[in-house]
Amino acid sequence: MVSKTGSIREIKKIEKKQRIHEAAIRVMARNGYHGTTVSQIAKAAKVADGTLYLYFQNKDDLLVGIFDEIMDRFISEGLSVIEEVADPIEKLKRIVELHLHNLGADEDLACIFQIELRHNVHHMKRFSQSKLRQYFNIVERIIRDAQEQGQIRPEVNPWITAKILFGAVDEMATNWVLRTRDYSLVDMAKPTLDIILNGLGTHHEEPRSAVAIAEAEVGDHRGDLAAEAQSQ
């Protein structure tokens, strides 16, 4: 059984780690990853340099920790959001909107996630093998559900589509960070998803919701019954 004192100590430890994360995001967004020192982060977090090393081995480890925290939040909030709806297409819409909303609401966070995290190939390999794969798995499952309900073509590769969707959303966020940021990032969700789901051709039908598909099937069935009755 954990004592009350031990529980309080653990809470304070988590809060201090969070404070270091937030300080690192602000300082790195202002100075860049390579222009930031551990001492600057510690000062911004109001902790001693040595205290920071109790939580992170070095600046690289801290950067990976920030990425993991961001992705944990995206994954947790994403799972919560998609539980609120049954329709797979609506789930994809909410995932994309949530992703862009989180970055659009915090410019420093967006700068770290879109720019500073990409400077090191070693970092990117670590990222792609961890939380990012969990994110892709969620989107892939939604796409498979959409295929089962007839909303997305069955021959489409769900894993590749999940990566394409992430890539498109990721580019919208990067472009927003590098430009004037004078428009709402979350407003890019609808046109991005429209291109992914409907393509660029002029003959593609918009993916229908599960309700629309069911109603169409009922209509077809009624039509068959009417035709059968007339033939008799």
Protein backbone atom coordinates (compact mmCIF):
# COMPACT_ATOMS: atom_id res chain seq x y z
CA MET A 1 0.00 0.00 0.00
CA VAL A 2 1.39 3.42 -0.97
CA SER A 3 1.62 5.88 1.95
CA LYS A 4 0.08 9.33 1.74
CA THR A 5 3.55 10.86 1.92
CA GLY A 6 4.77 8.64 -0.91
CA SER A 7 1.74 9.53 -3.01
CA ILE A 8 2.32 13.27 -2.51
CA ARG A 9 5.98 12.85 -3.39
CA GLU A 10 5.06 11.05 -6.60
CA ILE A 11 2.58 13.76 -7.57
CA LYS A 12 5.20 16.46 -7.02
CA LYS A 13 7.65 14.47 -9.13
CA ILE A 14 5.17 14.26 -12.00
CA GLU A 15 4.38 17.97 -11.71
CA LYS A 16 8.08 18.89 -11.78
CA LYS A 17 8.68 16.72 -14.85
CA GLN A 18 5.74 18.39 -16.55
CA ARG A 19 7.14 21.80 -15.66
CA ILE A 20 10.48 20.87 -17.23
CA HIS A 21 8.67 19.70 -20.38
CA GLU A 22 6.73 22.95 -20.67
CA ALA A 23 9.84 25.05 -20.07
CA ALA A 24 11.77 23.09 -22.71
CA ILE A 25 9.00 23.65 -25.26
CA ARG A 26 9.00 27.43 -24.66
CA VAL A 27 12.80 27.80 -24.68
CA MET A 28 13.37 25.53 -27.70
CA ALA A 29 10.63 27.23 -29.67
CA ARG A 30 12.38 30.56 -29.07
CA ASN A 31 16.04 29.49 -29.45
CA GLY A 32 15.81 26.31 -31.52
CA TYR A 33 16.89 22.87 -30.33
CA HIS A 34 20.59 23.38 -31.05
CA GLY A 35 20.55 26.90 -29.62
CA THR A 36 19.10 25.76 -26.31
CA THR A 37 21.14 24.60 -23.32
CA VAL A 38 20.13 22.44 -20.39
CA SER A 39 20.86 25.37 -18.09
CA GLN A 40 18.40 27.59 -19.97
CA ILE A 41 15.68 24.96 -19.66
CA ALA A 42 16.40 24.41 -15.96
CA LYS A 43 16.27 28.16 -15.31
CA ALA A 44 12.94 28.50 -17.14
CA ALA A 45 11.54 25.54 -15.19
CA LYS A 46 12.90 27.03 -11.93
CA VAL A 47 14.91 23.93 -11.04
CA ALA A 48 18.62 23.29 -10.62
CA ASP A 49 20.59 21.82 -13.53
CA GLY A 50 21.22 18.71 -11.46
CA THR A 51 17.50 18.29 -10.80
CA LEU A 52 16.81 18.18 -14.53
CA TYR A 53 19.27 15.32 -14.90
CA LEU A 54 17.27 13.32 -12.35
CA TYR A 55 14.48 13.15 -14.94
CA PHE A 56 16.36 13.14 -18.24
CA GLN A 57 19.78 11.83 -19.25
CA ASN A 58 20.46 14.73 -21.61
CA LYS A 59 18.81 17.20 -23.98
CA ASP A 60 18.17 14.47 -26.56
CA ASP A 61 16.36 12.38 -23.96
CA LEU A 62 14.28 15.41 -23.02
CA LEU A 63 13.29 15.99 -26.64
CA VAL A 64 12.15 12.38 -27.00
CA GLY A 65 10.22 12.76 -23.75
CA ILE A 66 8.41 15.79 -25.16
CA PHE A 67 7.47 13.85 -28.29
CA ASP A 68 6.18 10.92 -26.23
CA GLU A 69 4.11 13.26 -24.07
CA ILE A 70 2.59 14.96 -27.11
CA MET A 71 1.75 11.64 -28.74
CA ASP A 72 0.35 10.21 -25.49
CA ARG A 73 -2.00 13.18 -25.37
CA PHE A 74 -2.98 12.83 -29.03
CA ILE A 75 -3.63 9.10 -28.60
CA SER A 76 -5.56 9.45 -25.33
CA GLU A 77 -7.73 12.32 -26.56
CA GLY A 78 -8.18 10.64 -29.93
CA LEU A 79 -9.46 7.43 -28.37
CA SER A 80 -11.83 9.43 -26.19
CA VAL A 81 -13.17 11.45 -29.13
CA ILE A 82 -13.81 8.49 -31.43
CA GLU A 83 -15.72 6.67 -28.69
CA GLU A 84 -18.36 9.38 -28.95
CA VAL A 85 -19.35 8.43 -32.51
CA ALA A 86 -20.00 5.18 -34.36
CA ASP A 87 -19.49 6.28 -37.96
CA PRO A 88 -15.89 5.59 -39.17
CA ILE A 89 -15.78 8.62 -41.50
CA GLU A 90 -16.85 10.88 -38.66
CA LYS A 91 -14.14 9.29 -36.50
CA LEU A 92 -11.49 10.15 -39.08
CA LYS A 93 -12.82 13.70 -39.23
CA ARG A 94 -12.58 14.10 -35.48
CA ILE A 95 -9.08 12.63 -35.31
CA VAL A 96 -7.84 15.10 -37.93
CA GLU A 97 -9.62 18.05 -36.30
CA LEU A 98 -8.21 17.15 -32.89
CA HIS A 99 -4.68 16.83 -34.25
CA LEU A 100 -4.80 20.24 -35.92
CA HIS A 101 -6.63 21.86 -33.00
CA ASN A 102 -3.98 20.79 -30.48
CA LEU A 103 -1.16 22.21 -32.58
CA GLY A 104 -3.06 25.31 -33.65
CA ALA A 105 -3.86 26.18 -30.04
CA ASP A 106 -0.18 26.26 -29.00
CA GLU A 107 2.29 27.80 -31.46
CA ASP A 108 5.35 26.86 -29.39
CA LEU A 109 4.23 23.25 -29.22
CA ALA A 110 3.56 23.24 -32.95
CA CYS A 111 7.04 24.64 -33.61
CA ILE A 112 8.68 21.89 -31.54
CA PHE A 113 6.54 19.10 -33.00
CA GLN A 114 6.80 20.20 -36.62
CA ILE A 115 10.30 21.68 -36.83
CA GLU A 116 12.67 20.99 -33.95
CA LEU A 117 11.84 17.30 -33.62
CA ARG A 118 12.79 16.71 -37.28
CA HIS A 119 16.41 17.87 -37.14
CA ASN A 120 17.91 14.55 -36.06
CA VAL A 121 17.53 11.31 -38.06
CA HIS A 122 18.24 9.27 -34.91
CA HIS A 123 15.36 11.01 -33.16
CA MET A 124 13.01 10.36 -36.05
CA LYS A 125 13.82 6.63 -36.05
CA ARG A 126 13.05 6.43 -32.33
CA PHE A 127 9.79 8.31 -32.81
CA SER A 128 8.58 6.18 -35.72
CA GLN A 129 9.13 3.00 -33.72
CA SER A 130 7.20 4.11 -30.66
CA LYS A 131 4.20 6.37 -30.18
CA LEU A 132 3.77 7.21 -33.84
CA ARG A 133 3.03 3.57 -34.63
CA GLN A 134 0.27 3.56 -32.00
CA TYR A 135 -1.24 6.61 -33.68
CA PHE A 136 -1.14 4.91 -37.08
CA ASN A 137 -2.75 1.79 -35.61
CA ILE A 138 -5.76 3.78 -34.42
CA VAL A 139 -6.28 5.39 -37.83
CA GLU A 140 -5.73 2.05 -39.58
CA ARG A 141 -8.45 0.38 -37.49
CA ILE A 142 -10.89 3.15 -38.34
CA ILE A 143 -10.14 2.76 -42.05
CA ARG A 144 -10.72 -1.00 -41.82
CA ASP A 145 -14.06 -0.34 -40.13
CA ALA A 146 -14.97 2.05 -42.94
CA GLN A 147 -14.10 -0.65 -45.48
CA GLU A 148 -16.30 -3.18 -43.70
CA GLN A 149 -19.20 -0.71 -43.83
CA GLY A 150 -18.69 0.00 -47.52
CA GLN A 151 -17.51 3.58 -47.03
CA ILE A 152 -13.97 3.04 -48.36
CA ARG A 153 -12.97 0.78 -51.24
CA PRO A 154 -11.98 -2.72 -50.06
CA GLU A 155 -8.79 -2.81 -52.16
CA VAL A 156 -7.34 0.24 -50.38
CA ASN A 157 -4.39 -0.56 -48.10
CA PRO A 158 -5.39 0.69 -44.61
CA TRP A 159 -1.82 1.04 -43.31
CA ILE A 160 -0.62 3.04 -46.30
CA THR A 161 -3.75 5.20 -46.15
CA ALA A 162 -3.16 5.90 -42.45
CA LYS A 163 0.37 7.10 -43.22
CA ILE A 164 -0.82 9.20 -46.16
CA LEU A 165 -3.47 10.82 -43.97
CA PHE A 166 -0.93 11.60 -41.25
CA GLY A 167 1.47 12.96 -43.85
CA ALA A 168 -1.16 15.30 -45.26
CA VAL A 169 -2.19 16.58 -41.83
CA ASP A 170 1.45 16.91 -40.84
CA GLU A 171 2.23 19.04 -43.89
CA MET A 172 -0.73 21.33 -43.16
CA ALA A 173 0.65 21.90 -39.66
CA THR A 174 4.23 22.46 -40.88
CA ASN A 175 3.07 24.96 -43.51
CA TRP A 176 1.09 26.81 -40.84
CA VAL A 177 4.13 27.02 -38.53
CA LEU A 178 6.43 28.29 -41.29
CA ARG A 179 3.99 30.92 -42.56
CA THR A 180 2.24 33.83 -40.83
CA ARG A 181 -0.22 31.64 -38.90
CA ASP A 182 -2.95 34.16 -39.71
CA TYR A 183 -5.57 31.49 -40.36
CA SER A 184 -7.16 28.74 -38.31
CA LEU A 185 -5.20 25.51 -38.58
CA VAL A 186 -8.21 23.37 -37.70
CA ASP A 187 -10.03 24.80 -40.74
CA MET A 188 -7.61 22.78 -42.88
CA ALA A 189 -9.14 19.52 -41.59
CA LYS A 190 -12.13 19.43 -43.95
CA PRO A 191 -10.32 20.07 -47.28
CA THR A 192 -7.50 17.71 -46.30
CA LEU A 193 -9.86 14.87 -45.44
CA ASP A 194 -11.94 15.58 -48.54
CA ILE A 195 -8.94 15.00 -50.81
CA ILE A 196 -7.93 11.82 -48.95
CA LEU A 197 -11.43 10.32 -49.08
CA ASN A 198 -12.64 11.60 -52.44
CA GLY A 199 -9.46 11.90 -54.47
CA LEU A 200 -8.90 14.43 -57.23
CA GLY A 201 -11.14 13.03 -59.97
CA THR A 202 -14.55 14.39 -60.90
CA HIS A 203 -16.44 11.11 -60.71
CA HIS A 204 -15.80 10.09 -57.11
CA GLU A 205 -18.76 9.88 -54.81
CA GLU A 206 -18.41 11.32 -51.33
CA PRO A 207 -18.04 8.53 -48.74
CA ARG A 208 -21.42 7.88 -47.23
CA SER A 209 -22.12 7.46 -43.56
CA ALA A 210 -23.22 4.10 -42.20
CA VAL A 211 -26.76 5.47 -41.82
CA ALA A 212 -26.89 6.60 -45.46
CA ILE A 213 -25.67 3.21 -46.64
CA ALA A 214 -28.27 1.41 -44.54
CA GLU A 215 -31.04 3.68 -45.84
CA ALA A 216 -29.93 3.05 -49.42
CA GLU A 217 -29.99 -0.71 -48.85
CA VAL A 218 -33.50 -0.48 -47.40
CA GLY A 219 -34.58 1.54 -50.43
CA ASP A 220 -33.10 -1.03 -52.81
CA HIS A 221 -34.89 -3.81 -50.94
CA ARG A 222 -38.22 -2.00 -51.16
CA GLY A 223 -37.67 -1.45 -54.86
CA ASP A 224 -37.03 -5.16 -55.36
CA LEU A 225 -40.22 -6.02 -53.48
CA ALA A 226 -42.25 -3.56 -55.56
CA ALA A 227 -40.85 -4.94 -58.80
CA GLU A 228 -41.61 -8.47 -57.68
CA ALA A 229 -45.19 -7.52 -56.78
CA GLN A 230 -45.76 -5.93 -60.19
CA SER A 231 -44.44 -8.99 -61.99
CA GLN A 232 -47.02 -11.10 -60.20
